[in-house]
Amino acid sequence: MLNKQGFDLWANDYDQTVQISEENNLYPFAGYKGILNFIFNEAMQKGQSDVLDIGFGTGILASKLYENGHRINGVDFSPEMIEIAQPKMPEATLIEWDIADGLPNLLKEKRYGSIISTYALHHLPDGNKIVFFQELLPLLADNGKIYIGDIAFRTREDLESCRNASIKYWDEDEFYFVFDEIKVKLKEIAKCEFYPLSHCGGVIVISR
């Protein structure tokens, strides 16, 4: 698992690394473009809304929403990533922050039509993910939704199958989403849906 310094060093080459993996239909970024397109199209249904992007990276997705009139707020723990993203969205509120500490109070003051996160939350252990979602749900505006695009599987068996097929470069330090397990843990407080878009990735949609 990359730490903050690792992401800083990776920042300038991040998009190219993703593209190579995506174009070759390989773990971990197979389906990457489809995942971003899915979330973009969903967020665009809400007009010019407030959007919270958790782990926005170089701003590929957030900047497209920004260009279409959405008001972007976001956190990322890499100052180098922020340096790349901010010029694409000069009026966006982008904060250097580690989501292991939850969210900064400034971002809790708004209500969001869409809360989005792509390839960031697999760094949190599963228990921490649930706590984080419990923090995010009250921040949704009416009819708002959380969209998590990430390395994700419907079942634990699907995850193990992908792991075995990708064992030479599988990252054992990450905590990838297993939808059936997340859904059970959130069933009392949220509605959950899963849209698989490759053998190792998809979008989890969470709403109140």
Protein backbone atom coordinates (compact mmCIF):
# COMPACT_ATOMS: atom_id res chain seq x y z
CA MET A 1 0.00 0.00 0.00
CA LEU A 2 1.37 3.41 -0.96
CA ASN A 3 1.76 5.94 1.82
CA LYS A 4 1.40 9.70 1.44
CA GLN A 5 4.96 10.10 0.17
CA GLY A 6 4.42 7.27 -2.30
CA PHE A 7 1.38 9.00 -3.78
CA ASP A 8 3.32 12.26 -4.03
CA LEU A 9 6.01 10.49 -6.06
CA TRP A 10 3.39 8.70 -8.17
CA ALA A 11 1.31 11.80 -8.87
CA ASN A 12 2.85 12.82 -12.21
CA ASP A 13 2.68 9.27 -13.61
CA TYR A 14 -0.62 8.22 -12.01
CA ASP A 15 -2.88 8.79 -15.01
CA GLN A 16 -0.52 6.94 -17.36
CA THR A 17 -0.27 3.98 -14.97
CA VAL A 18 -4.05 3.76 -14.79
CA GLN A 19 -4.38 3.95 -18.58
CA ILE A 20 -2.00 1.06 -19.19
CA SER A 21 -3.83 -1.18 -16.71
CA GLU A 22 -7.25 -0.17 -18.04
CA GLU A 23 -6.39 -0.65 -21.70
CA ASN A 24 -5.03 -4.15 -21.03
CA ASN A 25 -8.07 -5.12 -18.92
CA LEU A 26 -5.81 -5.90 -15.97
CA TYR A 27 -6.24 -5.66 -12.21
CA PRO A 28 -6.39 -3.17 -10.59
CA PHE A 29 -7.76 -0.62 -13.09
CA ALA A 30 -9.74 -2.74 -15.55
CA GLY A 31 -13.02 -0.92 -16.17
CA TYR A 32 -11.65 2.41 -14.94
CA LYS A 33 -13.15 4.57 -17.71
CA GLY A 34 -16.51 2.86 -17.42
CA ILE A 35 -16.53 3.46 -13.67
CA LEU A 36 -15.77 7.17 -14.05
CA ASN A 37 -18.34 7.53 -16.83
CA PHE A 38 -21.00 5.82 -14.72
CA ILE A 39 -20.44 8.17 -11.78
CA PHE A 40 -20.21 11.24 -14.02
CA ASN A 41 -23.51 10.44 -15.71
CA GLU A 42 -25.22 9.81 -12.38
CA ALA A 43 -23.93 13.06 -10.84
CA MET A 44 -24.95 15.00 -13.94
CA GLN A 45 -28.59 14.02 -13.35
CA LYS A 46 -28.62 16.32 -10.33
CA GLY A 47 -28.01 19.57 -12.18
CA GLN A 48 -25.45 22.00 -10.86
CA SER A 49 -25.11 20.55 -7.39
CA ASP A 50 -22.62 20.46 -4.55
CA VAL A 51 -20.30 17.48 -4.97
CA LEU A 52 -17.92 16.02 -2.41
CA ASP A 53 -15.01 14.06 -3.92
CA ILE A 54 -13.10 11.88 -1.48
CA GLY A 55 -9.60 11.16 -2.73
CA PHE A 56 -9.92 13.20 -5.92
CA GLY A 57 -6.34 12.50 -7.04
CA THR A 58 -5.40 14.44 -10.17
CA GLY A 59 -9.01 15.61 -10.53
CA ILE A 60 -9.96 13.68 -13.66
CA LEU A 61 -13.58 13.11 -12.63
CA ALA A 62 -14.11 16.14 -10.42
CA SER A 63 -12.80 18.54 -13.05
CA LYS A 64 -15.34 17.29 -15.62
CA LEU A 65 -18.15 17.91 -13.15
CA TYR A 66 -16.63 21.31 -12.34
CA GLU A 67 -16.62 22.21 -16.04
CA ASN A 68 -20.34 21.43 -16.10
CA GLY A 69 -21.18 23.81 -13.29
CA HIS A 70 -21.02 21.58 -10.24
CA ARG A 71 -19.51 23.03 -7.06
CA ILE A 72 -16.61 20.78 -6.09
CA ASN A 73 -15.36 20.12 -2.58
CA GLY A 74 -12.78 17.47 -1.92
CA VAL A 75 -10.07 15.89 0.18
CA ASP A 76 -6.87 14.13 -0.78
CA PHE A 77 -3.85 13.34 1.35
CA SER A 78 -1.27 14.04 -1.37
CA PRO A 79 -0.18 17.67 -1.80
CA GLU A 80 1.31 16.76 -5.17
CA MET A 81 -2.05 15.45 -6.37
CA ILE A 82 -3.72 18.64 -5.14
CA GLU A 83 -1.14 20.72 -6.99
CA ILE A 84 -2.11 18.96 -10.22
CA ALA A 85 -5.88 19.08 -9.57
CA GLN A 86 -6.35 22.65 -8.30
CA PRO A 87 -5.54 24.49 -11.57
CA LYS A 88 -8.24 22.40 -13.30
CA MET A 89 -10.79 23.66 -10.72
CA PRO A 90 -9.58 27.06 -9.46
CA GLU A 91 -12.71 27.79 -7.41
CA ALA A 92 -13.04 24.30 -5.91
CA THR A 93 -12.44 23.74 -2.20
CA LEU A 94 -9.67 21.13 -2.14
CA ILE A 95 -8.25 20.18 1.25
CA GLU A 96 -5.18 18.13 2.13
CA TRP A 97 -6.53 15.56 4.54
CA ASP A 98 -6.24 11.91 5.57
CA ILE A 99 -9.67 10.24 5.55
CA ALA A 100 -8.47 7.88 8.27
CA ASP A 101 -9.40 10.87 10.47
CA GLY A 102 -12.90 11.16 9.01
CA LEU A 103 -13.76 14.45 7.30
CA PRO A 104 -12.67 18.02 8.11
CA ASN A 105 -15.39 20.05 9.82
CA LEU A 106 -15.50 22.55 6.95
CA LEU A 107 -16.88 19.91 4.60
CA LYS A 108 -19.51 18.77 7.09
CA GLU A 109 -21.26 22.15 6.85
CA LYS A 110 -22.72 21.45 3.39
CA ARG A 111 -25.20 18.95 1.97
CA TYR A 112 -24.25 17.20 -1.22
CA GLY A 113 -26.23 15.97 -4.18
CA SER A 114 -23.42 13.49 -4.86
CA ILE A 115 -20.59 12.19 -2.71
CA ILE A 116 -18.10 10.46 -4.97
CA SER A 117 -14.93 8.49 -4.44
CA THR A 118 -12.84 6.60 -6.97
CA TYR A 119 -10.04 4.21 -6.05
CA ALA A 120 -9.47 5.73 -2.62
CA LEU A 121 -11.54 3.97 0.02
CA HIS A 122 -9.90 0.56 -0.42
CA HIS A 123 -7.14 1.94 1.79
CA LEU A 124 -9.53 1.84 4.77
CA PRO A 125 -10.12 -1.43 6.65
CA ASP A 126 -13.69 -2.67 6.28
CA GLY A 127 -14.74 -1.63 9.77
CA ASN A 128 -13.44 1.88 9.15
CA LYS A 129 -15.35 2.01 5.86
CA ILE A 130 -18.64 1.40 7.68
CA VAL A 131 -17.90 4.11 10.24
CA PHE A 132 -16.99 6.49 7.41
CA PHE A 133 -20.23 5.78 5.53
CA GLN A 134 -22.16 6.46 8.72
CA GLU A 135 -20.47 9.86 8.79
CA LEU A 136 -21.24 10.54 5.12
CA LEU A 137 -24.92 9.59 5.01
CA PRO A 138 -26.18 12.63 7.00
CA LEU A 139 -24.31 14.90 4.54
CA LEU A 140 -26.51 13.89 1.61
CA ALA A 141 -29.04 16.36 0.29
CA ASP A 142 -32.56 15.15 -0.48
CA ASN A 143 -32.25 12.35 -3.05
CA GLY A 144 -28.47 12.53 -2.76
CA LYS A 145 -26.33 9.42 -3.21
CA ILE A 146 -22.85 8.16 -2.46
CA TYR A 147 -21.01 6.68 -5.46
CA ILE A 148 -17.98 4.51 -4.74
CA GLY A 149 -16.02 3.49 -7.84
CA ASP A 150 -13.28 1.11 -6.86
CA ILE A 151 -11.74 -2.32 -6.96
CA ALA A 152 -14.84 -4.20 -5.87
CA PHE A 153 -16.45 -7.63 -6.03
CA ARG A 154 -19.92 -8.94 -5.38
CA THR A 155 -18.73 -11.88 -3.26
CA ARG A 156 -15.64 -12.96 -1.35
CA GLU A 157 -15.34 -15.83 -3.84
CA ASP A 158 -15.12 -13.34 -6.72
CA LEU A 159 -12.36 -11.47 -4.90
CA GLU A 160 -10.38 -14.66 -4.32
CA SER A 161 -10.76 -15.64 -7.97
CA CYS A 162 -9.31 -12.31 -9.08
CA ARG A 163 -6.57 -12.55 -6.48
CA ASN A 164 -5.51 -15.98 -7.72
CA ALA A 165 -5.48 -14.78 -11.33
CA SER A 166 -3.41 -11.71 -10.42
CA ILE A 167 -1.25 -13.18 -7.67
CA LYS A 168 2.05 -11.86 -9.06
CA TYR A 169 1.01 -8.24 -8.55
CA TRP A 170 -1.90 -8.44 -6.10
CA ASP A 171 -1.61 -5.90 -3.27
CA GLU A 172 -2.16 -7.77 0.00
CA ASP A 173 -2.14 -4.52 2.02
CA GLU A 174 -5.38 -3.17 0.54
CA PHE A 175 -8.96 -3.77 1.72
CA TYR A 176 -11.04 -4.26 -1.40
CA PHE A 177 -14.81 -3.96 -1.38
CA VAL A 178 -16.97 -7.08 -1.15
CA PHE A 179 -20.47 -5.81 -1.85
CA ASP A 180 -22.43 -8.60 -0.16
CA GLU A 181 -20.54 -7.96 3.08
CA ILE A 182 -20.87 -4.17 2.94
CA LYS A 183 -24.59 -4.43 2.19
CA VAL A 184 -25.22 -6.57 5.28
CA LYS A 185 -23.33 -4.17 7.54
CA LEU A 186 -25.27 -1.15 6.25
CA LYS A 187 -28.70 -2.76 5.89
CA GLU A 188 -30.18 -0.98 8.92
CA ILE A 189 -29.25 2.53 7.77
CA ALA A 190 -28.82 2.58 3.99
CA LYS A 191 -29.86 1.19 0.64
CA CYS A 192 -26.97 -0.34 -1.31
CA GLU A 193 -26.64 -1.26 -4.99
CA PHE A 194 -23.73 -2.70 -6.96
CA TYR A 195 -22.90 -2.25 -10.64
CA PRO A 196 -19.94 -4.43 -11.71
CA LEU A 197 -18.12 -2.93 -14.69
CA SER A 198 -15.13 -5.27 -15.01
CA HIS A 199 -13.76 -8.44 -13.45
CA CYS A 200 -12.21 -6.37 -10.66
CA GLY A 201 -14.10 -3.10 -10.47
CA GLY A 202 -17.49 -1.53 -10.20
CA VAL A 203 -19.62 1.14 -8.57
CA ILE A 204 -21.33 0.80 -5.21
CA VAL A 205 -24.23 3.23 -4.74
CA ILE A 206 -25.33 4.04 -1.20
CA SER A 207 -28.35 6.15 -0.25
CA ARG A 208 -30.51 6.79 2.75
